[in-house]
Amino acid sequence: MENSSSAALISLYRKRAKRYDRSTLLLYLARFHHWAYRKQAVECLALCQGDTVVDLGCGTGLNFSLLQAGVGPSGKIIGVDLTDAMLDQAAERVAANVWSNVELVKSDAAKYHFPSGLDGILSTFALTLIPEFDQVIRNGAFALAQGKRFVVLDFKRPSGWLMNSAAPLLAKLLTGPFGGTIEMASRKPWVSLEKYLAPVQFTSLYMGGAYIATGEKDGLTAASGSSDDRDRLNFCASPSFPP
């Protein structure tokens, strides 16, 4: 049975699914460069050709082209989303690009059973919408293969007097149309990443109103592996997570 939070999100995104991609362009009016942030988040996964990655809360599949560049045709992308209408749009994107390595799964993220031995988990602008984000990150961390990464790109409540004062208005303008609230922006999924994985990177974005956080299974260091592997693992290597 769906809880009230999930039911509200499903209703919202069913209404917005067909125009979701166009509506994200409005973020640029507020100088929120979500596509550049998505690219940076995918790079932090340090994916290799042939890898399997889960895109959690994949929506219409906006991340798929970026993930395809990482895993290649021999890899696999598993797109998980709560809303059937959003997955319908993702399926159209997959068909239009003739991607044969994408699996779409309709599931509540808190109830999703991650396949074991994953090479990466990505969540962009989704985890703050999920009250059970700690459980989701714990389950994902357990499923990751050693040395692999869980990357979260999301909104947060900014620190600093000026931005914090503007936070309610920013939340209404930036996240309100997508189901976000200032209370949700106060959630801290990066704390869960630090709890269940070795912290690798935290990058503050948009004057503290968003972030990319990266956790790595078992803390595999860049001292092992090939030079190419070390270069990939060294990307996003600023380890200070906020409290």
Protein backbone atom coordinates (compact mmCIF):
# COMPACT_ATOMS: atom_id res chain seq x y z
CA MET A 1 0.00 0.00 0.00
CA GLU A 2 1.30 3.45 -0.90
CA ASN A 3 1.82 5.96 1.91
CA SER A 4 0.40 9.47 1.63
CA SER A 5 3.79 10.95 0.68
CA SER A 6 4.27 8.48 -2.17
CA ALA A 7 0.70 8.89 -3.38
CA ALA A 8 1.10 12.67 -3.53
CA LEU A 9 4.33 12.39 -5.53
CA ILE A 10 2.79 9.89 -7.94
CA SER A 11 -0.16 12.22 -8.53
CA LEU A 12 2.13 15.22 -9.08
CA TYR A 13 4.49 13.50 -11.48
CA ARG A 14 1.72 11.85 -13.46
CA LYS A 15 0.51 15.36 -14.22
CA ARG A 16 3.97 16.69 -15.02
CA ALA A 17 5.56 13.71 -16.77
CA LYS A 18 5.03 14.78 -20.39
CA ARG A 19 6.36 18.29 -19.81
CA TYR A 20 8.91 17.43 -17.12
CA ASP A 21 11.97 17.81 -19.36
CA ARG A 22 10.80 21.21 -20.60
CA SER A 23 10.01 22.35 -17.07
CA THR A 24 13.60 21.71 -15.97
CA LEU A 25 14.69 24.42 -18.39
CA LEU A 26 13.01 26.94 -16.10
CA LEU A 27 15.73 26.20 -13.54
CA TYR A 28 18.16 28.07 -15.75
CA LEU A 29 16.14 31.25 -15.21
CA ALA A 30 17.35 31.06 -11.61
CA ARG A 31 20.88 30.23 -12.89
CA PHE A 32 20.60 26.70 -11.56
CA HIS A 33 22.70 24.73 -14.06
CA HIS A 34 21.22 21.31 -13.41
CA TRP A 35 22.68 19.67 -16.54
CA ALA A 36 26.24 20.62 -15.60
CA TYR A 37 25.58 19.34 -12.09
CA ARG A 38 24.26 16.05 -13.48
CA LYS A 39 27.40 15.62 -15.59
CA GLN A 40 29.60 16.27 -12.57
CA ALA A 41 27.65 13.75 -10.49
CA VAL A 42 27.98 11.03 -13.14
CA GLU A 43 31.71 11.70 -13.41
CA CYS A 44 31.98 11.17 -9.65
CA LEU A 45 30.68 7.61 -10.11
CA ALA A 46 33.97 6.75 -11.87
CA LEU A 47 32.18 4.22 -14.08
CA CYS A 48 33.96 1.78 -16.39
CA GLN A 49 32.82 0.17 -19.62
CA GLY A 50 30.70 -2.88 -18.83
CA ASP A 51 29.56 -1.61 -15.41
CA THR A 52 26.04 -1.92 -14.04
CA VAL A 53 24.59 1.23 -12.48
CA VAL A 54 21.26 2.04 -10.83
CA ASP A 55 19.70 5.44 -11.52
CA LEU A 56 17.45 5.83 -8.49
CA GLY A 57 14.50 8.12 -9.13
CA CYS A 58 15.41 8.16 -12.81
CA GLY A 59 12.29 10.05 -13.87
CA THR A 60 12.22 10.55 -17.63
CA GLY A 61 15.76 9.24 -18.03
CA LEU A 62 17.58 12.57 -18.26
CA ASN A 63 20.74 10.94 -16.89
CA PHE A 64 20.74 8.00 -19.29
CA SER A 65 22.88 9.53 -22.03
CA LEU A 66 25.52 10.51 -19.47
CA LEU A 67 25.46 7.05 -17.91
CA GLN A 68 25.66 5.40 -21.34
CA ALA A 69 28.94 7.21 -21.96
CA GLY A 70 30.26 5.68 -18.74
CA VAL A 71 29.10 2.07 -18.98
CA GLY A 72 29.09 1.69 -22.77
CA PRO A 73 26.97 -0.76 -24.76
CA SER A 74 28.37 -3.70 -22.77
CA GLY A 75 27.19 -2.17 -19.49
CA LYS A 76 23.73 -1.88 -17.99
CA ILE A 77 21.57 0.94 -16.65
CA ILE A 78 18.72 0.16 -14.26
CA GLY A 79 16.31 3.07 -14.01
CA VAL A 80 14.07 2.97 -10.93
CA ASP A 81 11.15 5.33 -10.40
CA LEU A 82 7.96 5.53 -8.39
CA THR A 83 5.73 6.89 -11.15
CA ASP A 84 4.49 4.95 -14.15
CA ALA A 85 4.00 8.10 -16.25
CA MET A 86 7.62 9.17 -15.74
CA LEU A 87 8.82 5.70 -16.68
CA ASP A 88 6.68 5.87 -19.83
CA GLN A 89 8.66 8.97 -20.83
CA ALA A 90 11.90 7.19 -19.97
CA ALA A 91 10.86 4.25 -22.15
CA GLU A 92 10.26 6.62 -25.07
CA ARG A 93 13.75 8.05 -24.58
CA VAL A 94 15.26 4.56 -24.54
CA ALA A 95 13.39 3.56 -27.69
CA ALA A 96 14.31 6.77 -29.52
CA ASN A 97 18.01 6.16 -28.80
CA VAL A 98 17.81 2.40 -29.47
CA TRP A 99 19.45 1.60 -26.14
CA SER A 100 19.25 -2.14 -25.53
CA ASN A 101 20.98 -2.08 -22.15
CA VAL A 102 18.42 -0.15 -20.08
CA GLU A 103 16.03 -1.84 -17.66
CA LEU A 104 13.18 0.21 -16.19
CA VAL A 105 11.70 -0.72 -12.81
CA LYS A 106 8.61 0.77 -11.18
CA SER A 107 9.28 0.78 -7.44
CA ASP A 108 9.25 2.89 -4.33
CA ALA A 109 12.93 3.52 -3.62
CA ALA A 110 12.46 2.48 0.02
CA LYS A 111 11.14 -0.91 -1.10
CA TYR A 112 13.48 -1.48 -4.03
CA HIS A 113 15.69 -4.58 -3.86
CA PHE A 114 19.07 -3.53 -5.25
CA PRO A 115 20.88 -6.23 -7.25
CA SER A 116 24.07 -7.33 -5.53
CA GLY A 117 27.50 -6.40 -6.85
CA LEU A 118 26.49 -3.05 -8.34
CA ASP A 119 29.16 -0.83 -9.87
CA GLY A 120 27.40 2.42 -9.03
CA ILE A 121 24.23 4.05 -7.69
CA LEU A 122 23.16 7.53 -8.71
CA SER A 123 20.36 9.66 -7.29
CA THR A 124 19.72 13.11 -8.72
CA PHE A 125 17.14 15.41 -7.13
CA ALA A 126 15.23 12.47 -5.65
CA LEU A 127 16.44 11.41 -2.19
CA THR A 128 15.24 14.53 -0.37
CA LEU A 129 11.72 13.61 -1.51
CA ILE A 130 11.98 10.25 0.30
CA PRO A 131 11.41 10.19 4.08
CA GLU A 132 13.18 6.82 4.29
CA PHE A 133 16.35 8.09 2.59
CA ASP A 134 18.56 6.55 5.29
CA GLN A 135 17.10 3.11 4.64
CA VAL A 136 17.54 3.58 0.89
CA ILE A 137 21.21 4.49 1.26
CA ARG A 138 21.82 1.61 3.67
CA ASN A 139 20.29 -0.88 1.24
CA GLY A 140 22.22 0.58 -1.67
CA ALA A 141 25.50 0.56 0.22
CA PHE A 142 25.05 -3.11 1.04
CA ALA A 143 24.50 -3.93 -2.67
CA LEU A 144 27.55 -2.06 -4.00
CA ALA A 145 30.66 -4.00 -4.99
CA GLN A 146 33.87 -3.14 -3.17
CA GLY A 147 35.37 0.17 -4.25
CA LYS A 148 32.18 1.29 -6.02
CA ARG A 149 30.30 4.50 -5.40
CA PHE A 150 26.95 5.93 -4.38
CA VAL A 151 26.55 9.53 -5.63
CA VAL A 152 23.80 11.91 -4.56
CA LEU A 153 23.02 15.20 -6.30
CA ASP A 154 20.28 17.10 -4.52
CA PHE A 155 19.00 20.27 -2.98
CA LYS A 156 19.83 21.29 0.58
CA ARG A 157 19.02 24.09 2.95
CA PRO A 158 21.90 26.55 2.56
CA SER A 159 23.99 27.87 5.42
CA GLY A 160 24.80 31.54 5.79
CA TRP A 161 22.38 34.26 6.81
CA LEU A 162 21.52 35.61 3.36
CA MET A 163 20.91 32.31 1.56
CA ASN A 164 19.21 30.77 4.58
CA SER A 165 16.83 33.71 4.71
CA ALA A 166 16.08 33.26 1.02
CA ALA A 167 15.71 29.47 1.35
CA PRO A 168 11.89 29.35 1.66
CA LEU A 169 11.48 31.42 -1.51
CA LEU A 170 14.13 29.42 -3.38
CA ALA A 171 12.48 26.16 -2.33
CA LYS A 172 9.13 27.40 -3.62
CA LEU A 173 10.61 28.49 -6.96
CA LEU A 174 13.15 25.70 -7.58
CA THR A 175 11.78 22.60 -5.88
CA GLY A 176 8.12 23.42 -5.31
CA PRO A 177 7.08 22.54 -8.87
CA PHE A 178 8.78 19.15 -8.41
CA GLY A 179 7.24 18.29 -5.06
CA GLY A 180 10.03 19.63 -2.85
CA THR A 181 9.59 21.69 0.31
CA ILE A 182 11.90 23.61 2.63
CA GLU A 183 11.39 20.84 5.21
CA MET A 184 12.61 18.25 2.69
CA ALA A 185 15.62 20.43 1.85
CA SER A 186 16.57 20.24 5.53
CA ARG A 187 17.14 16.48 5.25
CA LYS A 188 20.77 15.34 5.16
CA PRO A 189 21.30 12.23 3.01
CA TRP A 190 25.06 12.85 3.01
CA VAL A 191 25.11 11.96 6.71
CA SER A 192 23.76 8.53 5.76
CA LEU A 193 26.39 8.19 3.04
CA GLU A 194 29.04 8.86 5.66
CA LYS A 195 27.40 6.36 8.03
CA TYR A 196 27.32 3.43 5.60
CA LEU A 197 30.18 4.22 3.20
CA ALA A 198 33.59 5.86 3.24
CA PRO A 199 33.12 9.56 2.45
CA VAL A 200 34.97 10.58 -0.71
CA GLN A 201 33.64 13.96 -1.72
CA PHE A 202 31.19 16.69 -0.82
CA THR A 203 30.79 19.60 -3.23
CA SER A 204 28.57 22.52 -2.34
CA LEU A 205 26.70 23.97 -5.33
CA TYR A 206 24.52 26.99 -6.00
CA MET A 207 25.76 29.03 -3.03
CA GLY A 208 25.06 26.14 -0.69
CA GLY A 209 21.56 25.42 -1.99
CA ALA A 210 22.56 22.11 -3.59
CA TYR A 211 25.36 19.56 -3.34
CA ILE A 212 27.01 16.46 -4.74
CA ALA A 213 28.04 13.85 -2.15
CA THR A 214 29.97 10.68 -2.93
CA GLY A 215 30.42 7.61 -0.75
CA GLU A 216 32.56 4.59 -1.61
CA LYS A 217 32.13 0.97 -0.52
CA ASP A 218 34.85 -0.22 1.85
CA GLY A 219 36.96 2.86 1.23
CA LEU A 220 39.01 1.50 -1.67
CA THR A 221 41.89 3.93 -2.06
CA ALA A 222 43.41 5.31 -5.21
CA ALA A 223 46.64 3.50 -4.33
CA SER A 224 45.43 0.31 -5.98
CA GLY A 225 44.49 -0.48 -9.56
CA SER A 226 45.76 0.82 -12.88
CA SER A 227 46.71 4.44 -13.54
CA ASP A 228 43.40 4.92 -15.36
CA ASP A 229 41.55 3.52 -12.34
CA ARG A 230 43.46 5.85 -10.03
CA ASP A 231 42.57 8.83 -12.20
CA ARG A 232 38.88 7.91 -12.05
CA LEU A 233 38.96 7.34 -8.30
CA ASN A 234 40.82 10.58 -7.68
CA PHE A 235 38.08 12.57 -9.40
CA CYS A 236 35.95 14.35 -6.76
CA ALA A 237 38.54 13.74 -4.06
CA SER A 238 37.71 16.48 -1.54
CA PRO A 239 36.70 14.46 1.53
CA SER A 240 35.14 16.97 3.94
CA PHE A 241 31.47 16.16 4.61
CA PRO A 242 29.47 18.78 6.52
CA PRO A 243 27.75 17.81 9.79
